[in-house]
Each structure stands twice: as C-alpha cells, then as structure tokens.
Amino acid sequence: MKISAKGQITLPKYIRQALGSERIRLILVNGQVRIEPVKSVAGSLRDYAKPNTDMTKETDMAWDAIIREQYATR
C-alpha cells in the first residue's frame, strides 16, 4: 500500500466492511498503526434533532471541529 502525497491511503473494501464504520481512529502503538472503528451516535440522537436536520452533515461538521481543535494545539 502506498501513502499519497496528501497522506492518504485506500483501505480495501473487505477491511472497510469488517470495520463496520465510516469513521476510524488511528492509534500508534510501539511503532505500529492500529485502526479502530468509531461508531456513530448520530442515529441515536436523531429523535432529539430539529425536524429536517441532516444528521450526516451535522456529524461531519462536528468531526471537522474536533479535528481542527485537536491539531490546532500541536
């Protein structure tokens, strides 16, 4: 597998399916990278959302904010 100039990789379909999530967490352990799925809670929050709320968009915006916050301090 090759890492692109943008730092991207493509996970094979069978690995994406096995993870069962569109969100992952990368953890560095003793020089090795471990991939763990991050389960979405958007479905469980749908009952509390305003009518016609796009939970996918809201979830993506929340993840973007978390990522910006995490890497802004480094």
Protein backbone atom coordinates (compact mmCIF):
# COMPACT_ATOMS: atom_id res chain seq x y z
CA MET A 1 0.00 0.00 0.00
CA LYS A 2 1.30 3.45 -0.86
CA ILE A 3 0.72 6.68 1.05
CA SER A 4 -0.21 9.51 -1.34
CA ALA A 5 1.42 12.93 -1.33
CA LYS A 6 -1.60 14.12 0.69
CA GLY A 7 -1.01 11.38 3.29
CA GLN A 8 -3.97 9.30 2.11
CA ILE A 9 -4.35 5.54 1.78
CA THR A 10 -7.15 3.41 0.37
CA LEU A 11 -8.43 0.64 2.61
CA PRO A 12 -9.55 -2.46 0.74
CA LYS A 13 -13.32 -2.99 0.68
CA TYR A 14 -13.19 -6.11 2.88
CA ILE A 15 -11.38 -4.15 5.61
CA ARG A 16 -13.88 -1.26 5.42
CA GLN A 17 -16.72 -3.75 5.69
CA ALA A 18 -15.08 -5.54 8.61
CA LEU A 19 -14.67 -2.23 10.47
CA GLY A 20 -18.39 -1.55 10.09
CA SER A 21 -17.97 2.21 10.36
CA GLU A 22 -17.16 5.15 8.09
CA ARG A 23 -15.14 6.76 10.89
CA ILE A 24 -11.90 5.33 12.20
CA ARG A 25 -9.30 6.15 14.82
CA LEU A 26 -5.59 5.59 14.15
CA ILE A 27 -3.52 4.65 17.16
CA LEU A 28 0.28 4.38 17.18
CA VAL A 29 1.43 1.51 19.43
CA ASN A 30 5.11 0.55 19.59
CA GLY A 31 5.78 1.86 16.08
CA GLN A 32 2.73 0.15 14.58
CA VAL A 33 -0.51 1.78 13.47
CA ARG A 34 -3.73 0.24 14.72
CA ILE A 35 -7.05 1.08 13.03
CA GLU A 36 -10.15 1.07 15.23
CA PRO A 37 -13.72 1.83 14.15
CA VAL A 38 -15.53 4.76 15.73
CA LYS A 39 -19.23 4.05 15.97
CA SER A 40 -21.57 6.90 15.09
CA VAL A 41 -24.08 8.09 17.65
CA ALA A 42 -25.98 10.18 15.09
CA GLY A 43 -28.75 7.60 14.75
CA SER A 44 -29.41 7.56 18.48
CA LEU A 45 -29.57 11.37 18.56
CA ARG A 46 -31.99 11.66 15.64
CA ASP A 47 -35.02 11.81 17.97
CA TYR A 48 -33.61 14.95 19.59
CA ALA A 49 -32.73 16.79 16.37
CA LYS A 50 -34.80 19.55 14.85
CA PRO A 51 -37.14 18.41 12.06
CA ASN A 52 -35.42 18.07 8.67
CA THR A 53 -31.94 18.07 10.22
CA ASP A 54 -29.35 16.39 8.02
CA MET A 55 -27.57 14.26 10.66
CA THR A 56 -24.82 13.28 8.21
CA LYS A 57 -23.97 16.94 7.63
CA GLU A 58 -24.16 17.71 11.37
CA THR A 59 -21.94 14.72 12.20
CA ASP A 60 -19.37 15.73 9.57
CA MET A 61 -19.31 19.29 10.90
CA ALA A 62 -18.80 18.04 14.45
CA TRP A 63 -15.92 15.77 13.39
CA ASP A 64 -14.31 18.64 11.45
CA ALA A 65 -14.48 20.85 14.55
CA ILE A 66 -12.93 18.14 16.73
CA ILE A 67 -10.10 17.57 14.24
CA ARG A 68 -9.40 21.32 13.96
CA GLU A 69 -9.36 21.60 17.76
CA GLN A 70 -7.04 18.61 18.16
CA TYR A 71 -4.47 19.73 15.61
CA ALA A 72 -4.61 23.47 16.28
CA THR A 73 -2.67 22.97 19.54
CA ARG A 74 0.11 20.89 18.01
